[in-house]
N, C-alpha and C. Protein backbone atom coordinates (compact mmCIF):
# COMPACT_ATOMS: atom_id res chain seq x y z
N MET A 1 -73.62 -60.93 16.19
CA MET A 1 -73.25 -59.53 16.31
C MET A 1 -72.39 -59.16 15.12
N SER A 2 -72.81 -58.16 14.36
CA SER A 2 -72.01 -57.75 13.20
C SER A 2 -70.82 -56.93 13.66
N SER A 3 -69.82 -56.81 12.76
CA SER A 3 -68.62 -56.06 13.10
C SER A 3 -68.94 -54.59 13.32
N HIS A 4 -70.02 -54.10 12.70
CA HIS A 4 -70.36 -52.69 12.84
C HIS A 4 -71.07 -52.40 14.14
N SER A 5 -71.79 -53.37 14.70
CA SER A 5 -72.50 -53.11 15.93
C SER A 5 -71.55 -53.01 17.11
N ALA A 6 -70.33 -53.48 16.97
CA ALA A 6 -69.34 -53.38 18.04
C ALA A 6 -68.75 -51.98 18.13
N HIS A 7 -68.93 -51.17 17.09
CA HIS A 7 -68.41 -49.81 17.07
C HIS A 7 -69.53 -48.85 17.46
N SER A 8 -69.28 -47.97 18.38
CA SER A 8 -70.28 -46.96 18.66
C SER A 8 -70.08 -45.82 17.66
N GLY A 9 -71.13 -45.41 17.01
CA GLY A 9 -71.05 -44.32 16.05
C GLY A 9 -70.36 -44.70 14.76
N SER A 10 -70.38 -45.99 14.39
CA SER A 10 -69.72 -46.45 13.17
C SER A 10 -70.32 -45.78 11.95
N GLY A 11 -69.45 -45.41 11.02
CA GLY A 11 -69.91 -44.77 9.79
C GLY A 11 -70.22 -45.76 8.70
N GLY A 12 -70.11 -47.04 8.96
CA GLY A 12 -70.43 -48.05 7.98
C GLY A 12 -69.24 -48.43 7.12
N PRO A 13 -69.51 -49.20 6.05
CA PRO A 13 -68.43 -49.70 5.19
C PRO A 13 -67.59 -48.61 4.55
N ALA A 14 -68.17 -47.49 4.16
CA ALA A 14 -67.38 -46.42 3.54
C ALA A 14 -66.38 -45.85 4.53
N ALA A 15 -66.80 -45.69 5.78
CA ALA A 15 -65.89 -45.19 6.82
C ALA A 15 -64.81 -46.22 7.12
N ASP A 16 -65.19 -47.49 7.10
CA ASP A 16 -64.21 -48.56 7.34
C ASP A 16 -63.16 -48.58 6.24
N GLU A 17 -63.61 -48.40 4.98
CA GLU A 17 -62.67 -48.39 3.84
C GLU A 17 -61.72 -47.21 3.96
N LYS A 18 -62.24 -46.06 4.33
CA LYS A 18 -61.40 -44.87 4.48
C LYS A 18 -60.38 -45.06 5.59
N LEU A 19 -60.82 -45.57 6.72
CA LEU A 19 -59.93 -45.82 7.85
C LEU A 19 -58.87 -46.85 7.48
N GLY A 20 -59.27 -47.91 6.79
CA GLY A 20 -58.33 -48.94 6.35
C GLY A 20 -57.28 -48.38 5.40
N PHE A 21 -57.73 -47.53 4.47
CA PHE A 21 -56.81 -46.91 3.52
C PHE A 21 -55.81 -46.02 4.24
N GLU A 22 -56.30 -45.19 5.15
CA GLU A 22 -55.41 -44.29 5.90
C GLU A 22 -54.41 -45.07 6.74
N ALA A 23 -54.86 -46.15 7.37
CA ALA A 23 -53.95 -46.98 8.18
C ALA A 23 -52.90 -47.65 7.31
N ALA A 24 -53.31 -48.14 6.14
CA ALA A 24 -52.38 -48.82 5.25
C ALA A 24 -51.33 -47.85 4.69
N THR A 25 -51.77 -46.65 4.30
CA THR A 25 -50.79 -45.69 3.78
C THR A 25 -49.85 -45.23 4.88
N ALA A 26 -50.36 -45.11 6.10
CA ALA A 26 -49.49 -44.75 7.23
C ALA A 26 -48.46 -45.85 7.47
N ALA A 27 -48.90 -47.11 7.38
CA ALA A 27 -47.98 -48.24 7.59
C ALA A 27 -46.89 -48.26 6.53
N LEU A 28 -47.22 -47.89 5.30
CA LEU A 28 -46.22 -47.87 4.24
C LEU A 28 -45.11 -46.86 4.54
N GLY A 29 -45.46 -45.78 5.21
CA GLY A 29 -44.49 -44.73 5.49
C GLY A 29 -43.67 -44.94 6.75
N LEU A 30 -44.00 -45.94 7.54
CA LEU A 30 -43.28 -46.17 8.80
C LEU A 30 -41.89 -46.75 8.53
N LYS A 31 -40.96 -46.33 9.33
CA LYS A 31 -39.60 -46.87 9.27
C LYS A 31 -39.28 -47.52 10.61
N ALA A 32 -38.74 -48.73 10.57
CA ALA A 32 -38.38 -49.44 11.79
C ALA A 32 -37.15 -48.78 12.42
N ASN A 33 -37.17 -48.70 13.72
CA ASN A 33 -36.07 -48.09 14.45
C ASN A 33 -35.29 -49.19 15.20
N ILE A 34 -34.88 -50.20 14.43
CA ILE A 34 -34.12 -51.31 15.01
C ILE A 34 -32.90 -51.57 14.14
N SER A 35 -31.95 -52.26 14.71
CA SER A 35 -30.72 -52.57 13.98
C SER A 35 -30.93 -53.81 13.11
N GLU A 36 -30.67 -53.65 11.81
CA GLU A 36 -30.79 -54.80 10.92
C GLU A 36 -29.73 -55.85 11.26
N ALA A 37 -28.58 -55.41 11.74
CA ALA A 37 -27.53 -56.35 12.12
C ALA A 37 -27.97 -57.23 13.29
N ASP A 38 -28.76 -56.66 14.19
CA ASP A 38 -29.24 -57.41 15.35
C ASP A 38 -30.50 -58.22 15.06
N HIS A 39 -31.30 -57.77 14.10
CA HIS A 39 -32.59 -58.41 13.82
C HIS A 39 -32.81 -58.56 12.31
N PRO A 40 -31.96 -59.32 11.62
CA PRO A 40 -32.07 -59.40 10.16
C PRO A 40 -33.37 -60.04 9.66
N LEU A 41 -33.87 -61.06 10.34
CA LEU A 41 -35.10 -61.71 9.88
C LEU A 41 -36.31 -60.80 10.06
N LEU A 42 -36.35 -60.07 11.15
CA LEU A 42 -37.45 -59.13 11.37
C LEU A 42 -37.44 -58.06 10.29
N CYS A 43 -36.27 -57.53 9.98
CA CYS A 43 -36.17 -56.50 8.95
C CYS A 43 -36.56 -57.03 7.58
N GLU A 44 -36.13 -58.23 7.25
CA GLU A 44 -36.47 -58.83 5.96
C GLU A 44 -37.97 -59.08 5.88
N GLY A 45 -38.55 -59.60 6.94
CA GLY A 45 -39.99 -59.86 6.95
C GLY A 45 -40.79 -58.57 6.81
N THR A 46 -40.35 -57.54 7.50
CA THR A 46 -41.03 -56.25 7.42
C THR A 46 -40.94 -55.67 6.01
N ARG A 47 -39.76 -55.77 5.40
CA ARG A 47 -39.58 -55.29 4.02
C ARG A 47 -40.50 -56.03 3.05
N ARG A 48 -40.59 -57.33 3.21
CA ARG A 48 -41.45 -58.12 2.32
C ARG A 48 -42.92 -57.76 2.48
N GLN A 49 -43.36 -57.65 3.74
CA GLN A 49 -44.77 -57.31 3.97
C GLN A 49 -45.08 -55.91 3.45
N ARG A 50 -44.18 -54.98 3.66
CA ARG A 50 -44.37 -53.61 3.17
C ARG A 50 -44.43 -53.62 1.64
N GLY A 51 -43.56 -54.38 1.02
CA GLY A 51 -43.56 -54.49 -0.44
C GLY A 51 -44.85 -55.10 -0.97
N ASP A 52 -45.31 -56.16 -0.32
CA ASP A 52 -46.56 -56.81 -0.73
C ASP A 52 -47.75 -55.85 -0.59
N LEU A 53 -47.78 -55.12 0.53
CA LEU A 53 -48.85 -54.15 0.74
C LEU A 53 -48.80 -53.05 -0.31
N ALA A 54 -47.60 -52.57 -0.62
CA ALA A 54 -47.44 -51.51 -1.62
C ALA A 54 -47.94 -51.97 -2.98
N VAL A 55 -47.55 -53.15 -3.41
CA VAL A 55 -47.98 -53.66 -4.72
C VAL A 55 -49.50 -53.83 -4.75
N THR A 56 -50.05 -54.40 -3.69
CA THR A 56 -51.50 -54.60 -3.63
C THR A 56 -52.25 -53.28 -3.73
N MET A 57 -51.76 -52.27 -3.01
CA MET A 57 -52.44 -50.97 -3.03
C MET A 57 -52.27 -50.27 -4.38
N LEU A 58 -51.08 -50.34 -4.96
CA LEU A 58 -50.86 -49.70 -6.26
C LEU A 58 -51.75 -50.32 -7.34
N VAL A 59 -51.89 -51.62 -7.32
CA VAL A 59 -52.75 -52.30 -8.30
C VAL A 59 -54.22 -51.99 -8.04
N HIS A 60 -54.63 -52.06 -6.77
CA HIS A 60 -56.04 -51.84 -6.42
C HIS A 60 -56.50 -50.42 -6.74
N TYR A 61 -55.64 -49.44 -6.51
CA TYR A 61 -56.03 -48.04 -6.70
C TYR A 61 -55.48 -47.42 -7.98
N LYS A 62 -55.10 -48.24 -8.95
CA LYS A 62 -54.48 -47.73 -10.18
C LYS A 62 -55.39 -46.78 -10.96
N GLU A 63 -56.68 -46.87 -10.81
CA GLU A 63 -57.61 -46.00 -11.54
C GLU A 63 -58.06 -44.81 -10.71
N ASP A 64 -57.67 -44.72 -9.45
CA ASP A 64 -58.06 -43.62 -8.56
C ASP A 64 -56.82 -42.76 -8.31
N GLN A 65 -56.69 -41.68 -9.09
CA GLN A 65 -55.48 -40.86 -9.04
C GLN A 65 -55.21 -40.26 -7.67
N GLU A 66 -56.25 -39.87 -6.96
CA GLU A 66 -56.06 -39.27 -5.63
C GLU A 66 -55.47 -40.29 -4.66
N LYS A 67 -56.04 -41.49 -4.62
CA LYS A 67 -55.52 -42.51 -3.70
C LYS A 67 -54.16 -43.03 -4.17
N LEU A 68 -53.99 -43.17 -5.46
CA LEU A 68 -52.71 -43.61 -6.00
C LEU A 68 -51.61 -42.62 -5.61
N SER A 69 -51.93 -41.35 -5.66
CA SER A 69 -50.98 -40.31 -5.27
C SER A 69 -50.61 -40.43 -3.80
N LYS A 70 -51.60 -40.68 -2.94
CA LYS A 70 -51.34 -40.83 -1.50
C LYS A 70 -50.47 -42.06 -1.22
N VAL A 71 -50.75 -43.14 -1.92
CA VAL A 71 -49.94 -44.35 -1.76
C VAL A 71 -48.50 -44.06 -2.20
N SER A 72 -48.37 -43.43 -3.35
CA SER A 72 -47.04 -43.11 -3.89
C SER A 72 -46.26 -42.20 -2.94
N LEU A 73 -46.92 -41.20 -2.38
CA LEU A 73 -46.25 -40.31 -1.44
C LEU A 73 -45.81 -41.06 -0.19
N SER A 74 -46.62 -42.01 0.27
CA SER A 74 -46.24 -42.81 1.44
C SER A 74 -44.98 -43.62 1.17
N LEU A 75 -44.80 -43.99 -0.09
CA LEU A 75 -43.63 -44.78 -0.49
C LEU A 75 -42.44 -43.90 -0.85
N GLY A 76 -42.67 -42.58 -0.86
CA GLY A 76 -41.59 -41.67 -1.25
C GLY A 76 -41.48 -41.51 -2.75
N LEU A 77 -42.51 -41.91 -3.48
CA LEU A 77 -42.53 -41.78 -4.94
C LEU A 77 -43.34 -40.54 -5.31
N TYR A 78 -42.99 -39.91 -6.40
CA TYR A 78 -43.71 -38.73 -6.85
C TYR A 78 -44.15 -38.98 -8.29
N ILE A 79 -45.47 -39.08 -8.48
CA ILE A 79 -46.04 -39.39 -9.79
C ILE A 79 -46.90 -38.21 -10.24
N THR A 80 -46.69 -37.78 -11.47
CA THR A 80 -47.54 -36.71 -12.00
C THR A 80 -48.81 -37.32 -12.55
N GLY A 81 -49.82 -36.52 -12.72
CA GLY A 81 -51.12 -37.00 -13.23
C GLY A 81 -51.13 -37.21 -14.72
N GLU A 82 -50.03 -36.94 -15.40
CA GLU A 82 -49.99 -37.09 -16.86
C GLU A 82 -49.75 -38.54 -17.25
N ARG A 83 -50.33 -38.91 -18.39
CA ARG A 83 -50.12 -40.27 -18.90
C ARG A 83 -49.59 -40.20 -20.29
């Protein structure tokens, strides 16, 4: 059974890529609502994973200005289209 047959009405790989991108950019913008003093390892791990995801996405989408802009906005960065 392929991964697509498990989805009813699946749009295929392009839809999966779009959904994955939207989920990843949403995850970059999330802020934990926990005390770092109470949960320092969880906060550090979350920061590292968020940083790794951010770097991966910035490198992967460096040639796609629209997606790069969305990633940057999720991180709170503002990049102009000028080079």
